Amino acid sequence: MLIAVRAEVEDVRAWREGFKTHGDLFKSQGVVNAFMGADGQNTVIAVFETNDADKFMRVFNDPATALAMENDGITGGVELFLLDETFSP
């Protein structure tokens, strides 16, 4: 299952560095891979591959995740998308 999270950040470089310190948090969400990207401004996206979407959401809504996001310089605009459909052209 893939889950995408888009957010606004203060500084993309600082977000990337901080994001990579949360391995234990991501593992607790059942995350096996995480992909990161930015738009050249201050909007970032992370796509998480997880084996348990319910566990991911429980931990995502935990105060520890909010603190991690704050430490990474996320300023708002957080959106979460469950990628629940595929298409192969």
Protein backbone atom coordinates (compact mmCIF):
# COMPACT_ATOMS: atom_id res chain seq x y z
CA MET A 1 0.00 0.00 0.00
CA LEU A 2 1.27 3.48 -0.85
CA ILE A 3 0.48 6.62 1.12
CA ALA A 4 1.53 10.10 -0.01
CA VAL A 5 1.94 13.06 2.34
CA ARG A 6 2.34 16.58 0.95
CA ALA A 7 3.35 19.50 3.15
CA GLU A 8 4.72 23.03 3.24
CA VAL A 9 8.15 23.41 4.87
CA GLU A 10 10.42 26.22 5.97
CA ASP A 11 13.48 24.78 4.22
CA VAL A 12 13.58 21.78 1.88
CA ARG A 13 17.18 20.88 2.71
CA ALA A 14 16.48 20.89 6.46
CA TRP A 15 13.32 18.82 5.90
CA ARG A 16 15.25 16.20 3.90
CA GLU A 17 17.90 15.92 6.61
CA GLY A 18 15.35 15.71 9.42
CA PHE A 19 13.16 13.22 7.54
CA LYS A 20 16.05 10.77 7.36
CA THR A 21 16.37 10.70 11.16
CA HIS A 22 12.92 9.15 11.66
CA GLY A 23 13.70 5.56 10.66
CA ASP A 24 12.38 4.08 13.90
CA LEU A 25 9.16 6.08 13.65
CA PHE A 26 8.63 4.97 10.05
CA LYS A 27 9.34 1.34 10.94
CA SER A 28 6.69 1.56 13.67
CA GLN A 29 4.25 2.51 10.90
CA GLY A 30 5.11 -0.59 8.89
CA VAL A 31 7.00 1.52 6.32
CA VAL A 32 9.36 -0.51 4.13
CA ASN A 33 10.29 2.28 1.67
CA ALA A 34 9.94 6.05 1.70
CA PHE A 35 10.35 8.29 -1.34
CA MET A 36 10.91 12.05 -1.07
CA GLY A 37 10.52 14.94 -3.49
CA ALA A 38 10.18 18.71 -3.62
CA ASP A 39 8.79 21.20 -6.10
CA GLY A 40 11.68 23.69 -6.01
CA GLN A 41 9.72 25.95 -3.69
CA ASN A 42 8.79 24.93 -0.16
CA THR A 43 6.37 22.12 -0.96
CA VAL A 44 7.52 18.57 -0.33
CA ILE A 45 6.04 15.13 -0.78
CA ALA A 46 6.82 11.81 0.81
CA VAL A 47 5.42 8.55 -0.52
CA PHE A 48 5.45 5.70 1.95
CA GLU A 49 5.19 2.03 1.12
CA THR A 50 3.64 0.32 4.14
CA ASN A 51 2.45 -3.18 4.85
CA ASP A 52 -0.24 -1.93 7.26
CA ALA A 53 -2.24 1.21 6.39
CA ASP A 54 -4.15 1.12 9.69
CA LYS A 55 -0.91 1.05 11.70
CA PHE A 56 0.48 3.85 9.52
CA MET A 57 -2.55 6.03 10.27
CA ARG A 58 -2.50 5.31 14.02
CA VAL A 59 1.13 6.38 14.28
CA PHE A 60 0.64 9.30 11.83
CA ASN A 61 -2.03 10.72 14.17
CA ASP A 62 0.14 10.24 17.26
CA PRO A 63 1.70 13.29 18.98
CA ALA A 64 5.18 11.83 18.30
CA THR A 65 4.60 12.25 14.57
CA ALA A 66 3.43 15.84 15.04
CA LEU A 67 6.60 16.57 17.01
CA ALA A 68 8.78 14.95 14.31
CA MET A 69 7.06 17.05 11.63
CA GLU A 70 7.54 20.21 13.68
CA ASN A 71 11.23 19.40 14.16
CA ASP A 72 11.57 18.96 10.38
CA GLY A 73 10.23 22.45 9.76
CA ILE A 74 6.80 21.53 8.42
CA THR A 75 4.76 24.70 8.60
CA GLY A 76 1.37 23.44 7.43
CA GLY A 77 -0.63 22.49 4.41
CA VAL A 78 -0.31 18.79 5.28
CA GLU A 79 -2.36 16.55 3.01
CA LEU A 80 -2.47 12.76 3.06
CA PHE A 81 -3.47 10.56 0.13
CA LEU A 82 -4.05 6.82 0.15
CA LEU A 83 -2.93 5.54 -3.26
CA ASP A 84 -5.46 2.76 -3.57
CA GLU A 85 -5.64 2.24 -7.31
CA THR A 86 -3.16 1.45 -10.04
CA PHE A 87 -3.36 1.83 -13.81
CA SER A 88 -0.98 0.25 -16.30
CA PRO A 89 -1.27 1.89 -19.72
